[in-house]
Protein backbone atom coordinates (compact mmCIF):
# COMPACT_ATOMS: atom_id res chain seq x y z
CA MET A 1 0.16 -0.14 0.37
CA PHE A 2 2.97 2.35 0.81
CA LYS A 3 4.87 1.39 -2.43
CA THR A 4 1.47 2.61 -4.19
CA LEU A 5 0.93 5.26 -2.62
CA LEU A 6 4.81 6.32 -3.41
CA VAL A 7 4.41 5.14 -7.03
CA VAL A 8 1.07 7.76 -7.40
CA VAL A 9 3.31 10.79 -5.58
CA ALA A 10 6.04 10.48 -7.67
CA GLY A 11 4.20 9.79 -10.75
CA LEU A 12 2.25 13.93 -10.01
CA GLY A 13 5.91 15.00 -9.12
CA ALA A 14 6.78 13.86 -12.46
CA GLY A 15 3.58 15.27 -14.68
CA LEU A 16 4.24 18.99 -12.21
CA ALA A 17 7.80 18.89 -13.71
CA ILE A 18 6.75 18.16 -17.12
CA ALA A 19 4.11 20.82 -17.19
CA TYR A 20 6.55 22.98 -15.78
CA PHE A 21 8.86 22.66 -18.40
CA THR A 22 6.65 22.67 -21.54
CA ARG A 23 4.51 25.44 -20.82
CA PRO A 24 4.22 28.44 -22.97
CA SER A 25 6.42 31.29 -22.69
CA VAL A 26 4.54 35.00 -21.53
CA PRO A 27 6.60 37.84 -22.21
CA PRO A 28 6.20 40.95 -19.70
CA SER A 29 3.34 43.54 -20.11
CA GLY A 30 6.64 45.90 -20.96
CA HIS A 31 7.62 43.77 -23.42
CA ALA A 32 3.91 42.91 -24.75
CA SER A 33 3.43 46.90 -25.57
CA GLU A 34 6.74 46.68 -27.14
CA VAL A 35 5.82 44.80 -29.62
CA ALA A 36 1.93 45.66 -30.12
CA ALA A 37 3.56 49.46 -31.22
CA ALA A 38 5.67 47.93 -33.50
CA THR A 39 3.53 45.89 -35.22
CA GLY A 40 0.83 48.94 -35.28
CA ALA A 41 4.21 51.06 -36.82
CA ARG A 42 4.48 48.07 -39.48
CA SER A 43 0.79 48.68 -40.36
CA ALA A 44 1.23 52.01 -40.00
CA GLU A 45 4.16 52.44 -42.47
CA GLY A 46 2.14 49.94 -44.87
CA ALA A 47 -0.66 52.01 -44.93
CA THR A 48 1.65 55.27 -45.84
CA SER A 49 3.47 53.49 -48.61
CA SER A 50 0.63 52.16 -50.37
CA ALA A 51 -1.04 55.92 -50.54
CA ALA A 52 2.81 57.09 -51.42
CA ALA A 53 2.82 54.13 -53.94
CA ALA A 54 -0.77 56.00 -55.29
CA ARG A 55 -0.24 58.97 -55.11
CA LEU A 56 3.21 58.25 -57.31
CA ASP A 57 0.88 56.61 -60.09
CA THR A 58 -1.60 59.62 -60.33
CA LEU A 59 1.24 62.43 -60.51
CA GLU A 60 3.32 59.86 -63.10
CA THR A 61 -0.32 59.02 -65.02
CA ALA A 62 -0.44 63.04 -64.85
CA LEU A 63 3.11 64.27 -66.23
CA GLN A 64 2.29 61.44 -69.16
CA SER A 65 -0.86 63.37 -70.33
CA GLU A 66 0.80 66.46 -69.68
CA ILE A 67 3.38 65.35 -71.99
CA GLU A 68 1.45 64.35 -75.06
CA GLN A 69 -0.46 67.70 -75.05
CA ARG A 70 2.18 69.47 -74.84
CA ALA A 71 4.18 66.89 -77.95
CA VAL A 72 0.53 67.89 -79.96
CA LEU A 73 0.82 71.18 -79.31
CA GLU A 74 4.36 71.77 -80.66
CA ALA A 75 3.09 69.86 -83.40
CA ARG A 76 0.46 72.74 -84.23
CA VAL A 77 2.86 74.80 -83.59
CA ALA A 78 5.64 74.09 -86.28
CA GLU A 79 2.82 73.45 -88.69
CA LEU A 80 1.77 77.08 -87.80
CA ALA A 81 5.68 78.59 -88.34
CA ALA A 82 5.38 76.17 -91.81
CA GLU A 83 2.53 78.38 -92.78
CA LEU A 84 3.77 81.77 -92.14
CA GLU A 85 7.25 81.08 -93.54
CA ALA A 86 5.39 79.60 -97.09
CA LEU A 87 3.37 83.66 -96.56
CA ARG A 88 6.78 85.48 -95.77
CA VAL A 89 8.02 84.03 -98.48
CA GLU A 90 5.33 84.06 -101.60
CA PRO A 91 5.05 88.12 -100.72
CA ARG A 92 9.30 88.48 -101.08
CA GLN A 93 8.54 86.37 -104.43
CA GLY A 94 6.03 88.16 -105.48
CA GLY A 95 8.01 91.67 -105.07
CA ALA A 96 11.56 89.93 -106.66
CA ALA A 97 9.58 89.21 -109.93
CA ALA A 98 7.95 92.66 -109.84
CA GLU A 99 11.42 94.45 -109.46
CA GLY A 100 13.46 92.26 -111.68
CA ALA A 101 10.57 92.91 -114.66
CA ALA A 102 11.33 96.65 -113.93
CA GLY A 103 14.65 95.86 -114.03
CA GLY A 104 16.04 96.46 -110.51
CA GLU A 105 17.18 93.24 -107.95
CA PRO A 106 16.04 93.05 -104.33
CA GLY A 107 17.91 95.13 -102.56
CA SER A 108 19.63 97.39 -105.44
CA GLU A 109 20.03 100.94 -105.81
CA ARG A 110 17.39 100.40 -109.02
CA GLY A 111 15.15 98.59 -106.27
CA ARG A 112 15.28 101.48 -104.19
CA THR A 113 14.73 104.07 -106.30
CA ARG A 114 11.17 101.95 -107.36
CA SER A 115 10.54 101.88 -103.32
CA GLN A 116 10.94 105.90 -103.68
CA ARG A 117 9.14 106.11 -106.97
CA ASP A 118 6.08 104.02 -104.95
CA ALA A 119 6.04 105.60 -102.02
CA GLY A 120 6.08 109.20 -103.81
CA ALA A 121 3.07 108.12 -105.68
CA LEU A 122 1.03 107.18 -102.66
CA ARG A 123 1.97 110.55 -101.53
CA ASP A 124 0.89 111.92 -104.18
CA ASP A 125 -2.46 109.63 -104.57
CA ARG A 126 -3.18 110.94 -101.00
CA GLU A 127 -2.88 114.60 -101.79
CA ARG A 128 -4.90 114.16 -104.98
CA ARG A 129 -8.11 112.44 -103.20
CA GLN A 130 -7.78 115.44 -100.04
CA VAL A 131 -8.06 118.01 -103.16
CA GLU A 132 -10.74 116.53 -104.53
CA ARG A 133 -12.95 116.06 -101.09
CA LEU A 134 -12.22 119.85 -101.09
CA ILE A 135 -13.34 120.39 -104.44
CA ALA A 136 -16.56 118.27 -103.51
CA ALA A 137 -17.47 120.39 -100.52
CA GLY A 138 -17.40 123.33 -102.41
CA PHE A 139 -13.97 125.25 -102.92
CA ALA A 140 -12.83 126.01 -106.28
CA PRO A 141 -10.06 123.71 -107.42
CA ASP A 142 -6.77 126.52 -107.01
CA ARG A 143 -8.42 127.35 -103.88
CA ALA A 144 -8.42 123.38 -103.00
CA GLU A 145 -5.04 123.28 -104.55
CA TRP A 146 -3.74 126.25 -102.36
CA ILE A 147 -5.78 124.79 -99.21
CA ASN A 148 -3.79 121.58 -99.16
CA ARG A 149 -0.39 123.04 -100.28
CA ARG A 150 -0.47 125.58 -97.26
CA THR A 151 -1.81 123.01 -94.42
CA SER A 152 1.59 120.44 -95.49
CA GLU A 153 3.78 124.70 -94.92
CA LEU A 154 1.83 125.02 -91.55
CA ARG A 155 2.69 121.48 -90.66
CA MET A 156 6.29 122.33 -91.14
CA GLN A 157 6.31 125.41 -89.27
CA GLN A 158 5.13 123.83 -86.46
CA LEU A 159 7.78 121.31 -86.49
CA GLN A 160 10.07 123.41 -87.12
CA ALA A 161 9.29 125.24 -84.32
CA GLN A 162 9.19 121.99 -81.63
CA TYR A 163 12.86 121.25 -83.11
CA ASP A 164 13.40 124.66 -81.88
CA ALA A 165 12.86 124.43 -78.71
CA THR A 166 14.32 121.05 -78.33
CA ARG A 167 17.44 122.24 -79.20
CA ASP A 168 17.49 125.70 -76.60
CA GLY A 169 15.97 123.24 -73.69
CA ARG A 170 13.15 124.72 -74.06
CA ALA A 171 9.84 123.27 -73.32
CA PHE A 172 7.88 123.09 -76.36
CA ASP A 173 3.67 124.91 -76.00
CA PRO A 174 1.27 122.34 -76.36
CA GLY A 175 -0.51 125.48 -77.34
CA ALA A 176 1.27 125.95 -80.21
CA GLN A 177 0.45 122.39 -81.79
CA LEU A 178 -2.83 124.43 -82.02
CA ALA A 179 -1.24 127.33 -83.76
CA GLY A 180 -1.10 125.89 -87.35
CA GLU A 181 -4.85 125.14 -87.21
CA ARG A 182 -5.80 129.00 -85.90
CA THR A 183 -3.88 130.30 -88.83
CA LEU A 184 -5.70 128.37 -91.24
CA ARG A 185 -8.98 129.48 -89.28
CA SER A 186 -7.51 132.75 -89.96
CA GLU A 187 -6.74 133.10 -93.50
CA LEU A 188 -10.30 130.60 -94.52
CA GLY A 189 -12.60 132.41 -92.34
CA ASP A 190 -15.28 130.67 -90.22
CA ALA A 191 -17.09 129.40 -93.00
CA ASP A 192 -15.02 128.05 -95.50
CA TYR A 193 -12.62 126.73 -91.88
CA GLU A 194 -15.98 124.88 -91.59
CA ARG A 195 -16.37 123.31 -94.80
CA TYR A 196 -12.68 122.34 -94.54
CA LEU A 197 -13.47 120.55 -91.82
CA GLY A 198 -15.94 119.27 -93.21
CA ALA A 199 -14.21 117.49 -96.08
CA LEU A 200 -12.21 116.10 -94.28
CA ASP A 201 -14.78 114.62 -92.10
CA ARG A 202 -13.46 116.30 -88.57
CA PRO A 203 -15.16 117.46 -85.93
CA THR A 204 -17.45 121.13 -86.48
CA SER A 205 -18.74 121.62 -83.08
CA VAL A 206 -18.68 119.22 -79.71
CA ALA A 207 -21.22 116.81 -78.75
CA VAL A 208 -22.33 117.31 -75.09
CA GLN A 209 -22.22 113.77 -73.89
CA ASP A 210 -22.85 114.13 -70.39
CA VAL A 211 -23.00 116.85 -67.99
CA LEU A 212 -21.66 116.78 -64.10
CA ALA A 213 -23.54 117.43 -61.18
CA SER A 214 -23.58 120.84 -60.17
CA SER A 215 -21.47 122.12 -62.87
CA PRO A 216 -22.05 125.17 -64.56
CA GLY A 217 -22.91 123.32 -67.84
CA GLU A 218 -26.02 122.45 -65.17
CA ARG A 219 -27.09 125.00 -63.79
CA SER A 220 -27.16 126.74 -67.39
CA GLY A 221 -29.21 124.50 -68.67
CA LEU A 222 -26.81 122.62 -70.90
CA LYS A 223 -27.93 118.92 -71.47
CA PRO A 224 -26.45 115.88 -72.70
CA GLY A 225 -27.15 115.16 -76.77
CA ASP A 226 -26.48 119.11 -77.20
CA GLU A 227 -23.72 121.28 -79.12
CA VAL A 228 -21.54 123.68 -77.87
CA VAL A 229 -20.84 125.19 -81.47
CA ALA A 230 -19.59 128.92 -79.95
CA TYR A 231 -18.42 130.19 -77.08
CA ASP A 232 -18.13 133.93 -76.06
CA GLY A 233 -18.98 134.86 -79.14
CA LYS A 234 -16.01 132.83 -81.14
CA ARG A 235 -16.93 129.64 -82.85
CA VAL A 236 -15.85 126.67 -81.42
CA PHE A 237 -15.07 123.50 -84.10
CA ASP A 238 -13.35 121.12 -81.16
CA MET A 239 -13.03 120.24 -77.62
CA ARG A 240 -9.75 121.02 -77.64
CA GLU A 241 -10.29 124.77 -78.68
CA LEU A 242 -13.46 125.30 -76.18
CA ASN A 243 -11.33 124.05 -73.32
CA ALA A 244 -8.55 127.09 -74.45
CA LEU A 245 -11.16 129.51 -74.82
CA THR A 246 -12.22 128.92 -71.58
CA LEU A 247 -8.54 129.86 -69.93
CA GLU A 248 -8.73 133.41 -72.08
CA GLY A 249 -10.03 136.77 -70.21
CA THR A 250 -11.41 136.93 -66.49
CA ALA A 251 -12.05 134.00 -64.58
CA GLY A 252 -15.19 133.76 -63.60
CA GLU A 253 -16.98 136.27 -66.00
CA SER A 254 -20.07 135.31 -67.56
CA VAL A 255 -20.40 134.50 -71.13
CA VAL A 256 -22.78 133.42 -73.37
CA VAL A 257 -22.16 129.94 -74.63
CA GLU A 258 -23.88 128.98 -77.91
CA VAL A 259 -25.68 125.49 -78.30
CA ARG A 260 -27.09 123.78 -80.77
CA ARG A 261 -30.24 121.54 -79.78
CA ASP A 262 -32.93 119.25 -81.67
CA GLY A 263 -31.83 121.94 -84.57
CA GLN A 264 -32.40 124.74 -83.03
CA ASN A 265 -29.93 127.60 -81.57
CA LEU A 266 -30.09 128.14 -77.92
CA GLN A 267 -27.75 130.91 -75.76
CA LEU A 268 -26.74 129.72 -72.52
CA VAL A 269 -25.36 131.87 -69.38
CA MET A 270 -22.41 130.97 -67.15
CA PRO A 271 -19.17 131.38 -65.93
CA ARG A 272 -16.08 131.52 -67.03
CA GLY A 273 -14.61 128.76 -66.70
CA PRO A 274 -14.97 124.63 -66.76
CA ILE A 275 -17.91 123.91 -68.24
CA GLY A 276 -18.55 120.51 -66.39
CA ILE A 277 -19.54 118.36 -69.67
CA PHE A 278 -17.73 115.03 -71.23
CA GLY A 279 -17.79 116.07 -75.15
CA GLY A 280 -16.59 115.40 -78.47
CA GLY A 281 -17.23 116.15 -82.13
CA PHE A 282 -20.09 116.13 -84.30
CA ARG A 283 -18.54 115.07 -87.61
CA GLY A 284 -19.45 116.56 -91.41
CA GLY A 285 -20.02 119.87 -91.07
CA ARG A 286 -22.97 119.13 -88.00
């Protein structure tokens, strides 16, 4: 009996020993946290890598699309450049053929002479058409020729005055730009000067497009649509001339402004100075 009990006890001890040595090892709690953190980090890195890979694929697709579009644009630009070059070559060939027919090579002395003759012909044609328009406006042929020549002389005088002022270091008076027009107007008289302007389709009165609130023009009764034809008894043909007249005389003195409204002439009284309008020119002798 006692031997049997010893055998049982020995078997239980052996089984406990075997169970102790063969149990799975359990890491400490801190080590388990580190393992979990490492596992989470690996998962996060995997997710980040996947997102980066997806974005890289998107960028590569967009880049490829842009490269293809650029290639198409470059091809189109090349086509347009070829067409433009063809258009440039054709006029040069035509010009060369024309000069060759006239006995001059492109760029040669004879070719330059021909070009000068062509420029002179264009100038002569322009002057001829201007004389014809003056004649159509009622001027006699010799009078029209004189007006055309006189305007050229006055322009040259203005250019000379501007040149002299620049050489002498003087400021060129902007009002001098109107000197030639004033001279021509005084030589022609207002009636013929108006016909001259109408023949060249230049303004012959100041069209009132807008009137500023509380301005002298509004207080005097000036309205949009009116035409200013005279200021202080002097005929007005354009806005520059009207502005110049407001600077004459004594500032603030009463002046009479003649206005055309619906075909009727009116006289408005206002102080000399800014009228307070936005205006432009009516053309064609209106």
